Amino acid sequence: VTEAINVILESITEAVALDEKVEIRGFGTFSKKFIRPRKFTNPKTKEVSYLGETAIMHFKPSKSLTKK
């Protein structure tokens, strides 16, 4: 069972990394979300640095999964 779940999660991760949207009916949708570039300050050294655009995996649950 563990091996089967690992294979499924790996294939979802690979598909999302290739900018594909993965939908599992009745469960939800996995997609890639981009976070805008931003600057931040190191509180110890007061040095200002910049962080480029980042991509994260986004999960949106289906209506049947969120229904109470």
PDB file of N, CA and C in Angstrom:
ATOM      1  N   VAL A   1       0.834  -1.190   0.000  1.00  0.00           N
ATOM      2  CA  VAL A   1       0.000   0.000   0.000  1.00  0.00           C
ATOM      3  C   VAL A   1       0.880   1.255   0.000  1.00  0.00           C
ATOM      4  N   THR A   2       1.936   1.241   0.821  1.00  0.00           N
ATOM      5  CA  THR A   2       2.836   2.392   0.904  1.00  0.00           C
ATOM      6  C   THR A   2       3.496   2.669  -0.444  1.00  0.00           C
ATOM      7  N   GLU A   3       3.918   1.626  -1.115  1.00  0.00           N
ATOM      8  CA  GLU A   3       4.568   1.780  -2.421  1.00  0.00           C
ATOM      9  C   GLU A   3       3.597   2.360  -3.447  1.00  0.00           C
ATOM     10  N   ALA A   4       2.348   1.912  -3.423  1.00  0.00           N
ATOM     11  CA  ALA A   4       1.347   2.417  -4.367  1.00  0.00           C
ATOM     12  C   ALA A   4       1.084   3.903  -4.136  1.00  0.00           C
ATOM     13  N   ILE A   5       0.971   4.317  -2.894  1.00  0.00           N
ATOM     14  CA  ILE A   5       0.730   5.719  -2.572  1.00  0.00           C
ATOM     15  C   ILE A   5       1.929   6.571  -2.996  1.00  0.00           C
ATOM     16  N   ASN A   6       3.137   6.068  -2.757  1.00  0.00           N
ATOM     17  CA  ASN A   6       4.337   6.806  -3.166  1.00  0.00           C
ATOM     18  C   ASN A   6       4.394   7.004  -4.676  1.00  0.00           C
ATOM     19  N   VAL A   7       4.010   5.991  -5.448  1.00  0.00           N
ATOM     20  CA  VAL A   7       4.021   6.091  -6.910  1.00  0.00           C
ATOM     21  C   VAL A   7       2.993   7.123  -7.372  1.00  0.00           C
ATOM     22  N   ILE A   8       1.808   7.116  -6.773  1.00  0.00           N
ATOM     23  CA  ILE A   8       0.764   8.075  -7.139  1.00  0.00           C
ATOM     24  C   ILE A   8       1.210   9.503  -6.822  1.00  0.00           C
ATOM     25  N   LEU A   9       1.748   9.728  -5.633  1.00  0.00           N
ATOM     26  CA  LEU A   9       2.193  11.064  -5.240  1.00  0.00           C
ATOM     27  C   LEU A   9       3.353  11.545  -6.112  1.00  0.00           C
ATOM     28  N   GLU A  10       4.239  10.649  -6.475  1.00  0.00           N
ATOM     29  CA  GLU A  10       5.363  10.991  -7.349  1.00  0.00           C
ATOM     30  C   GLU A  10       4.883  11.416  -8.729  1.00  0.00           C
ATOM     31  N   SER A  11       3.903  10.695  -9.273  1.00  0.00           N
ATOM     32  CA  SER A  11       3.395  11.043 -10.602  1.00  0.00           C
ATOM     33  C   SER A  11       2.640  12.370 -10.571  1.00  0.00           C
ATOM     34  N   ILE A  12       1.921  12.663  -9.495  1.00  0.00           N
ATOM     35  CA  ILE A  12       1.244  13.961  -9.357  1.00  0.00           C
ATOM     36  C   ILE A  12       2.281  15.078  -9.287  1.00  0.00           C
ATOM     37  N   THR A  13       3.329  14.881  -8.492  1.00  0.00           N
ATOM     38  CA  THR A  13       4.376  15.889  -8.341  1.00  0.00           C
ATOM     39  C   THR A  13       5.081  16.162  -9.667  1.00  0.00           C
ATOM     40  N   GLU A  14       5.387  15.120 -10.422  1.00  0.00           N
ATOM     41  CA  GLU A  14       6.054  15.288 -11.715  1.00  0.00           C
ATOM     42  C   GLU A  14       5.164  16.029 -12.705  1.00  0.00           C
ATOM     43  N   ALA A  15       3.872  15.707 -12.719  1.00  0.00           N
ATOM     44  CA  ALA A  15       2.951  16.371 -13.646  1.00  0.00           C
ATOM     45  C   ALA A  15       2.813  17.854 -13.314  1.00  0.00           C
ATOM     46  N   VAL A  16       2.691  18.186 -12.042  1.00  0.00           N
ATOM     47  CA  VAL A  16       2.562  19.594 -11.645  1.00  0.00           C
ATOM     48  C   VAL A  16       3.857  20.344 -11.936  1.00  0.00           C
ATOM     49  N   ALA A  17       5.001  19.698 -11.772  1.00  0.00           N
ATOM     50  CA  ALA A  17       6.282  20.331 -12.077  1.00  0.00           C
ATOM     51  C   ALA A  17       6.384  20.682 -13.561  1.00  0.00           C
ATOM     52  N   LEU A  18       5.705  19.936 -14.416  1.00  0.00           N
ATOM     53  CA  LEU A  18       5.695  20.198 -15.857  1.00  0.00           C
ATOM     54  C   LEU A  18       4.544  21.124 -16.266  1.00  0.00           C
ATOM     55  N   ASP A  19       3.990  21.878 -15.305  1.00  0.00           N
ATOM     56  CA  ASP A  19       2.907  22.849 -15.516  1.00  0.00           C
ATOM     57  C   ASP A  19       1.601  22.211 -15.960  1.00  0.00           C
ATOM     58  N   GLU A  20       1.361  20.969 -15.584  1.00  0.00           N
ATOM     59  CA  GLU A  20       0.088  20.326 -15.883  1.00  0.00           C
ATOM     60  C   GLU A  20      -0.801  20.414 -14.656  1.00  0.00           C
ATOM     61  N   LYS A  21      -2.105  20.419 -14.882  1.00  0.00           N
ATOM     62  CA  LYS A  21      -3.072  20.462 -13.799  1.00  0.00           C
ATOM     63  C   LYS A  21      -3.601  19.038 -13.602  1.00  0.00           C
ATOM     64  N   VAL A  22      -3.580  18.540 -12.361  1.00  0.00           N
ATOM     65  CA  VAL A  22      -4.018  17.179 -12.071  1.00  0.00           C
ATOM     66  C   VAL A  22      -5.322  17.242 -11.287  1.00  0.00           C
ATOM     67  N   GLU A  23      -6.371  16.622 -11.831  1.00  0.00           N
ATOM     68  CA  GLU A  23      -7.679  16.631 -11.176  1.00  0.00           C
ATOM     69  C   GLU A  23      -8.071  15.209 -10.806  1.00  0.00           C
ATOM     70  N   ILE A  24      -8.434  15.017  -9.553  1.00  0.00           N
ATOM     71  CA  ILE A  24      -8.940  13.731  -9.083  1.00  0.00           C
ATOM     72  C   ILE A  24     -10.395  13.969  -8.703  1.00  0.00           C
ATOM     73  N   ARG A  25     -11.302  13.414  -9.465  1.00  0.00           N
ATOM     74  CA  ARG A  25     -12.731  13.651  -9.264  1.00  0.00           C
ATOM     75  C   ARG A  25     -13.145  13.258  -7.846  1.00  0.00           C
ATOM     76  N   GLY A  26     -13.896  14.153  -7.198  1.00  0.00           N
ATOM     77  CA  GLY A  26     -14.382  13.896  -5.855  1.00  0.00           C
ATOM     78  C   GLY A  26     -13.350  14.142  -4.774  1.00  0.00           C
ATOM     79  N   PHE A  27     -12.119  14.483  -5.150  1.00  0.00           N
ATOM     80  CA  PHE A  27     -11.065  14.732  -4.160  1.00  0.00           C
ATOM     81  C   PHE A  27     -10.530  16.154  -4.260  1.00  0.00           C
ATOM     82  N   GLY A  28     -10.058  16.556  -5.447  1.00  0.00           N
ATOM     83  CA  GLY A  28      -9.553  17.912  -5.606  1.00  0.00           C
ATOM     84  C   GLY A  28      -8.637  18.059  -6.802  1.00  0.00           C
ATOM     85  N   THR A  29      -8.026  19.246  -6.894  1.00  0.00           N
ATOM     86  CA  THR A  29      -7.170  19.587  -8.016  1.00  0.00           C
ATOM     87  C   THR A  29      -5.814  20.064  -7.516  1.00  0.00           C
ATOM     88  N   PHE A  30      -4.757  19.572  -8.149  1.00  0.00           N
ATOM     89  CA  PHE A  30      -3.392  20.003  -7.848  1.00  0.00           C
ATOM     90  C   PHE A  30      -2.915  20.867  -9.008  1.00  0.00           C
ATOM     91  N   SER A  31      -2.292  22.006  -8.694  1.00  0.00           N
ATOM     92  CA  SER A  31      -1.749  22.875  -9.729  1.00  0.00           C
ATOM     93  C   SER A  31      -0.528  23.607  -9.192  1.00  0.00           C
ATOM     94  N   LYS A  32       0.148  24.318 -10.079  1.00  0.00           N
ATOM     95  CA  LYS A  32       1.330  25.082  -9.698  1.00  0.00           C
ATOM     96  C   LYS A  32       0.911  26.531  -9.489  1.00  0.00           C
ATOM     97  N   LYS A  33       1.361  27.131  -8.386  1.00  0.00           N
ATOM     98  CA  LYS A  33       1.044  28.522  -8.076  1.00  0.00           C
ATOM     99  C   LYS A  33       2.353  29.292  -7.962  1.00  0.00           C
ATOM    100  N   PHE A  34       2.387  30.462  -8.578  1.00  0.00           N
ATOM    101  CA  PHE A  34       3.588  31.284  -8.545  1.00  0.00           C
ATOM    102  C   PHE A  34       3.453  32.377  -7.503  1.00  0.00           C
ATOM    103  N   ILE A  35       4.516  32.590  -6.711  1.00  0.00           N
ATOM    104  CA  ILE A  35       4.557  33.646  -5.707  1.00  0.00           C
ATOM    105  C   ILE A  35       5.438  34.756  -6.261  1.00  0.00           C
ATOM    106  N   ARG A  36       4.934  35.981  -6.204  1.00  0.00           N
ATOM    107  CA  ARG A  36       5.636  37.119  -6.806  1.00  0.00           C
ATOM    108  C   ARG A  36       6.999  37.347  -6.157  1.00  0.00           C
ATOM    109  N   PRO A  37       7.917  37.983  -6.898  1.00  0.00           N
ATOM    110  CA  PRO A  37       9.222  38.320  -6.321  1.00  0.00           C
ATOM    111  C   PRO A  37       9.050  39.334  -5.193  1.00  0.00           C
ATOM    112  N   ARG A  38       9.897  39.285  -4.183  1.00  0.00           N
ATOM    113  CA  ARG A  38       9.771  40.197  -3.055  1.00  0.00           C
ATOM    114  C   ARG A  38      11.125  40.454  -2.416  1.00  0.00           C
ATOM    115  N   LYS A  39      11.186  41.517  -1.629  1.00  0.00           N
ATOM    116  CA  LYS A  39      12.428  41.827  -0.928  1.00  0.00           C
ATOM    117  C   LYS A  39      12.228  41.555   0.559  1.00  0.00           C
ATOM    118  N   PHE A  40      13.299  41.265   1.252  1.00  0.00           N
ATOM    119  CA  PHE A  40      13.229  41.026   2.684  1.00  0.00           C
ATOM    120  C   PHE A  40      14.478  41.587   3.339  1.00  0.00           C
ATOM    121  N   THR A  41      14.384  41.862   4.637  1.00  0.00           N
ATOM    122  CA  THR A  41      15.488  42.433   5.391  1.00  0.00           C
ATOM    123  C   THR A  41      15.921  41.454   6.466  1.00  0.00           C
ATOM    124  N   ASN A  42      17.210  41.199   6.533  1.00  0.00           N
ATOM    125  CA  ASN A  42      17.766  40.360   7.586  1.00  0.00           C
ATOM    126  C   ASN A  42      17.728  41.187   8.874  1.00  0.00           C
ATOM    127  N   PRO A  43      16.971  40.742   9.888  1.00  0.00           N
ATOM    128  CA  PRO A  43      16.832  41.556  11.097  1.00  0.00           C
ATOM    129  C   PRO A  43      18.134  41.731  11.879  1.00  0.00           C
ATOM    130  N   LYS A  44      19.041  40.801  11.746  1.00  0.00           N
ATOM    131  CA  LYS A  44      20.294  40.883  12.502  1.00  0.00           C
ATOM    132  C   LYS A  44      21.281  41.860  11.864  1.00  0.00           C
ATOM    133  N   THR A  45      21.441  41.771  10.535  1.00  0.00           N
ATOM    134  CA  THR A  45      22.434  42.598   9.840  1.00  0.00           C
ATOM    135  C   THR A  45      21.819  43.804   9.135  1.00  0.00           C
ATOM    136  N   LYS A  46      20.501  43.890   9.087  1.00  0.00           N
ATOM    137  CA  LYS A  46      19.765  44.960   8.397  1.00  0.00           C
ATOM    138  C   LYS A  46      20.068  44.996   6.893  1.00  0.00           C
ATOM    139  N   GLU A  47      20.555  43.889   6.371  1.00  0.00           N
ATOM    140  CA  GLU A  47      20.873  43.793   4.953  1.00  0.00           C
ATOM    141  C   GLU A  47      19.599  43.481   4.162  1.00  0.00           C
ATOM    142  N   VAL A  48      19.363  44.228   3.079  1.00  0.00           N
ATOM    143  CA  VAL A  48      18.191  44.020   2.233  1.00  0.00           C
ATOM    144  C   VAL A  48      18.569  43.058   1.118  1.00  0.00           C
ATOM    145  N   SER A  49      17.774  42.010   0.946  1.00  0.00           N
ATOM    146  CA  SER A  49      18.000  41.027  -0.109  1.00  0.00           C
ATOM    147  C   SER A  49      16.717  40.850  -0.905  1.00  0.00           C
ATOM    148  N   TYR A  50      16.844  40.259  -2.075  1.00  0.00           N
ATOM    149  CA  TYR A  50      15.681  40.039  -2.932  1.00  0.00           C
ATOM    150  C   TYR A  50      15.510  38.556  -3.202  1.00  0.00           C
ATOM    151  N   LEU A  51      14.266  38.113  -3.172  1.00  0.00           N
ATOM    152  CA  LEU A  51      13.916  36.725  -3.441  1.00  0.00           C
ATOM    153  C   LEU A  51      13.126  36.700  -4.731  1.00  0.00           C
ATOM    154  N   GLY A  52      13.571  35.936  -5.698  1.00  0.00           N
ATOM    155  CA  GLY A  52      12.914  35.876  -7.000  1.00  0.00           C
ATOM    156  C   GLY A  52      11.575  35.157  -6.940  1.00  0.00           C
ATOM    157  N   GLU A  53      10.943  35.042  -8.081  1.00  0.00           N
ATOM    158  CA  GLU A  53       9.650  34.360  -8.171  1.00  0.00           C
ATOM    159  C   GLU A  53       9.815  32.892  -7.768  1.00  0.00           C
ATOM    160  N   THR A  54       8.875  32.394  -6.986  1.00  0.00           N
ATOM    161  CA  THR A  54       8.920  31.019  -6.509  1.00  0.00           C
ATOM    162  C   THR A  54       7.653  30.292  -6.939  1.00  0.00           C
ATOM    163  N   ALA A  55       7.746  29.013  -7.148  1.00  0.00           N
ATOM    164  CA  ALA A  55       6.584  28.200  -7.510  1.00  0.00           C
ATOM    165  C   ALA A  55       6.321  27.190  -6.399  1.00  0.00           C
ATOM    166  N   ILE A  56       5.044  27.045  -6.037  1.00  0.00           N
ATOM    167  CA  ILE A  56       4.643  26.068  -5.030  1.00  0.00           C
ATOM    168  C   ILE A  56       3.497  25.228  -5.578  1.00  0.00           C
ATOM    169  N   MET A  57       3.271  24.076  -4.967  1.00  0.00           N
ATOM    170  CA  MET A  57       2.156  23.233  -5.361  1.00  0.00           C
ATOM    171  C   MET A  57       0.917  23.702  -4.603  1.00  0.00           C
ATOM    172  N   HIS A  58      -0.198  23.853  -5.323  1.00  0.00           N
ATOM    173  CA  HIS A  58      -1.446  24.331  -4.735  1.00  0.00           C
ATOM    174  C   HIS A  58      -2.490  23.224  -4.828  1.00  0.00           C
ATOM    175  N   PHE A  59      -3.257  23.021  -3.754  1.00  0.00           N
ATOM    176  CA  PHE A  59      -4.318  22.017  -3.742  1.00  0.00           C
ATOM    177  C   PHE A  59      -5.639  22.697  -3.469  1.00  0.00           C
ATOM    178  N   LYS A  60      -6.629  22.453  -4.319  1.00  0.00           N
ATOM    179  CA  LYS A  60      -7.974  22.975  -4.110  1.00  0.00           C
ATOM    180  C   LYS A  60      -8.904  21.781  -3.939  1.00  0.00           C
ATOM    181  N   PRO A  61      -9.485  21.617  -2.739  1.00  0.00           N
ATOM    182  CA  PRO A  61     -10.360  20.460  -2.506  1.00  0.00           C
ATOM    183  C   PRO A  61     -11.670  20.605  -3.270  1.00  0.00           C
ATOM    184  N   SER A  62     -12.295  19.473  -3.612  1.00  0.00           N
ATOM    185  CA  SER A  62     -13.560  19.493  -4.325  1.00  0.00           C
ATOM    186  C   SER A  62     -14.681  19.880  -3.358  1.00  0.00           C
ATOM    187  N   LYS A  63     -15.818  20.240  -3.928  1.00  0.00           N
ATOM    188  CA  LYS A  63     -16.962  20.645  -3.103  1.00  0.00           C
ATOM    189  C   LYS A  63     -17.441  19.494  -2.216  1.00  0.00           C
ATOM    190  N   SER A  64     -17.414  18.283  -2.746  1.00  0.00           N
ATOM    191  CA  SER A  64     -17.879  17.143  -1.949  1.00  0.00           C
ATOM    192  C   SER A  64     -16.941  16.834  -0.792  1.00  0.00           C
ATOM    193  N   LEU A  65     -15.664  17.199  -0.913  1.00  0.00           N
ATOM    194  CA  LEU A  65     -14.704  16.972   0.164  1.00  0.00           C
ATOM    195  C   LEU A  65     -14.852  18.029   1.258  1.00  0.00           C
ATOM    196  N   THR A  66     -15.230  19.263   0.882  1.00  0.00           N
ATOM    197  CA  THR A  66     -15.360  20.327   1.868  1.00  0.00           C
ATOM    198  C   THR A  66     -16.742  20.393   2.490  1.00  0.00           C
ATOM    199  N   LYS A  67     -17.707  19.679   1.933  1.00  0.00           N
ATOM    200  CA  LYS A  67     -19.066  19.693   2.464  1.00  0.00           C
ATOM    201  C   LYS A  67     -19.090  19.058   3.854  1.00  0.00           C
ATOM    202  N   LYS A  68     -19.796  19.719   4.757  1.00  0.00           N
ATOM    203  CA  LYS A  68     -19.866  19.227   6.148  1.00  0.00           C
ATOM    204  C   LYS A  68     -21.018  18.296   6.370  1.00  0.00           C
TER     205      LYS A  68
END
